[in-house]
Amino acid sequence: MTNINIIFVALNSTYSLQNISVIFFILSGCFFLSVGTLGLLRLPDVYNRLHATSKSTTLGAASIFFSGFLHYGFQGMGLTSLVGVFFLFLTAPTGSHMISRAAQKMGVEFSGDVTFPPLSNSQIPSNVDVTLDETEI
């Protein structure tokens, strides 16, 4: 059976709401992952690409993990999928934030005339010389 036939059969009244919701979460996860891939290919700089991929990867992979939880329930594989969702929400945004901070410290610029916002005096740590200009921050 092709994938389209599986979807039409799943939408038939002979299948339960659980199966329909599993298919919905798998399809929405595939949609978000595809949008993230397009963002990775089309956006101009590393910061925009990180934003597109971190948001869509988190939502897309979490949707697919959650469909595994819905399918297996509170059994072994279902709990593994639920733990996967938890760790994905914990690590994906943190990892992309660390990559963007590393790119900023390496001096990777935004595309166009966008610049980093200047730090106010309350954001500068006490052990840093306050006479730094914006290019050194």
Protein backbone atom coordinates (compact mmCIF):
# COMPACT_ATOMS: atom_id res chain seq x y z
CA MET A 1 0.00 0.00 0.00
CA THR A 2 1.22 3.46 -0.75
CA ASN A 3 1.45 6.16 1.92
CA ILE A 4 -1.59 8.03 0.58
CA ASN A 5 -3.70 4.87 0.72
CA ILE A 6 -2.59 4.29 4.31
CA ILE A 7 -3.75 7.80 5.23
CA PHE A 8 -7.13 7.31 3.54
CA VAL A 9 -7.60 3.95 5.22
CA ALA A 10 -6.67 5.47 8.57
CA LEU A 11 -9.29 8.18 8.12
CA ASN A 12 -11.90 5.49 7.52
CA SER A 13 -14.25 4.91 10.45
CA THR A 14 -12.79 1.44 11.07
CA TYR A 15 -9.69 2.95 12.70
CA SER A 16 -9.61 4.49 16.13
CA LEU A 17 -8.97 8.07 17.15
CA GLN A 18 -5.56 6.92 18.43
CA ASN A 19 -4.45 5.86 14.95
CA ILE A 20 -5.72 9.07 13.39
CA SER A 21 -3.88 11.18 15.98
CA VAL A 22 -0.66 9.18 15.44
CA ILE A 23 -0.86 9.85 11.71
CA PHE A 24 -1.61 13.54 12.38
CA PHE A 25 1.46 13.95 14.60
CA ILE A 26 3.71 12.12 12.13
CA LEU A 27 2.52 14.30 9.26
CA SER A 28 2.85 17.52 11.26
CA GLY A 29 6.35 16.45 12.34
CA CYS A 30 7.32 15.81 8.73
CA PHE A 31 5.92 19.23 7.79
CA PHE A 32 7.96 21.05 10.44
CA LEU A 33 11.12 19.17 9.55
CA SER A 34 10.62 20.01 5.86
CA VAL A 35 10.11 23.70 6.67
CA GLY A 36 13.30 23.64 8.74
CA THR A 37 15.20 22.09 5.87
CA LEU A 38 13.96 24.80 3.51
CA GLY A 39 14.99 27.43 6.05
CA LEU A 40 18.44 25.90 6.30
CA LEU A 41 18.84 26.03 2.54
CA ARG A 42 17.28 29.42 1.85
CA LEU A 43 18.12 31.76 4.74
CA PRO A 44 21.15 34.06 4.38
CA ASP A 45 23.25 33.76 7.54
CA VAL A 46 24.09 31.40 10.36
CA TYR A 47 21.78 33.09 12.89
CA ASN A 48 18.69 32.88 10.69
CA ARG A 49 19.52 29.30 9.77
CA LEU A 50 19.93 28.35 13.42
CA HIS A 51 16.58 29.89 14.27
CA ALA A 52 14.81 28.04 11.48
CA THR A 53 16.39 24.69 12.21
CA SER A 54 16.19 24.78 16.01
CA LYS A 55 12.51 25.71 16.14
CA SER A 56 11.38 23.34 13.44
CA THR A 57 13.58 20.46 14.57
CA THR A 58 12.25 20.76 18.08
CA LEU A 59 8.63 20.80 16.96
CA GLY A 60 9.02 18.26 14.17
CA ALA A 61 11.02 15.63 16.02
CA ALA A 62 8.95 16.13 19.17
CA SER A 63 5.78 15.52 17.17
CA ILE A 64 7.18 12.29 15.77
CA PHE A 65 8.37 11.20 19.22
CA PHE A 66 4.94 12.04 20.65
CA SER A 67 3.25 9.93 17.98
CA GLY A 68 5.39 7.02 19.19
CA PHE A 69 4.18 7.68 22.71
CA LEU A 70 0.55 7.75 21.51
CA HIS A 71 1.02 4.51 19.61
CA TYR A 72 2.79 2.50 22.33
CA GLY A 73 1.24 4.11 25.41
CA PHE A 74 2.95 3.87 28.79
CA GLN A 75 4.87 0.74 27.73
CA GLY A 76 8.62 0.54 27.14
CA MET A 77 8.84 2.25 23.74
CA GLY A 78 6.19 4.81 24.67
CA LEU A 79 8.12 5.93 27.72
CA THR A 80 11.29 6.07 25.65
CA SER A 81 9.52 8.37 23.20
CA LEU A 82 8.28 10.57 26.03
CA VAL A 83 11.80 10.84 27.48
CA GLY A 84 13.01 11.69 23.96
CA VAL A 85 10.53 14.59 23.81
CA PHE A 86 11.74 15.84 27.19
CA PHE A 87 15.43 15.73 26.27
CA LEU A 88 14.75 17.25 22.85
CA PHE A 89 13.02 20.26 24.40
CA LEU A 90 15.88 20.54 26.85
CA THR A 91 18.87 20.18 24.54
CA ALA A 92 17.93 21.53 21.07
CA PRO A 93 17.35 25.18 22.07
CA THR A 94 20.37 25.10 24.38
CA GLY A 95 22.61 23.71 21.65
CA SER A 96 21.50 26.25 19.06
CA HIS A 97 21.99 29.07 21.57
CA MET A 98 25.53 27.91 22.25
CA ILE A 99 26.28 27.70 18.52
CA SER A 100 24.98 31.24 17.97
CA ARG A 101 27.04 32.58 20.90
CA ALA A 102 30.13 30.88 19.48
CA ALA A 103 29.43 32.42 16.07
CA GLN A 104 29.03 35.83 17.69
CA LYS A 105 32.32 35.50 19.58
CA MET A 106 34.08 34.38 16.39
CA GLY A 107 32.90 37.57 14.70
CA VAL A 108 30.35 36.14 12.27
CA GLU A 109 28.25 39.08 11.11
CA PHE A 110 24.57 39.30 10.29
CA SER A 111 23.62 39.65 6.65
CA GLY A 112 22.59 43.13 5.58
CA ASP A 113 22.94 46.10 7.93
CA VAL A 114 21.67 44.32 11.06
CA THR A 115 23.98 44.57 14.07
CA PHE A 116 24.08 43.17 17.55
CA PRO A 117 22.35 45.39 20.09
CA PRO A 118 24.74 47.34 22.31
CA LEU A 119 24.97 46.22 25.91
CA SER A 120 23.63 48.55 28.55
CA ASN A 121 25.62 49.23 31.72
CA SER A 122 23.44 46.82 33.71
CA GLN A 123 24.27 43.96 31.29
CA ILE A 124 28.05 44.37 31.45
CA PRO A 125 29.62 42.16 34.13
CA SER A 126 31.48 43.95 36.91
CA ASN A 127 34.85 42.39 35.99
CA VAL A 128 34.77 43.78 32.42
CA ASP A 129 36.30 47.14 31.53
CA VAL A 130 33.38 49.47 30.73
CA THR A 131 35.38 51.43 28.13
CA LEU A 132 35.06 48.65 25.54
CA ASP A 133 33.55 49.76 22.27
CA GLU A 134 30.80 47.76 20.55
CA THR A 135 33.15 45.84 18.27
CA GLU A 136 34.91 44.22 21.23
CA ILE A 137 31.76 43.00 22.99
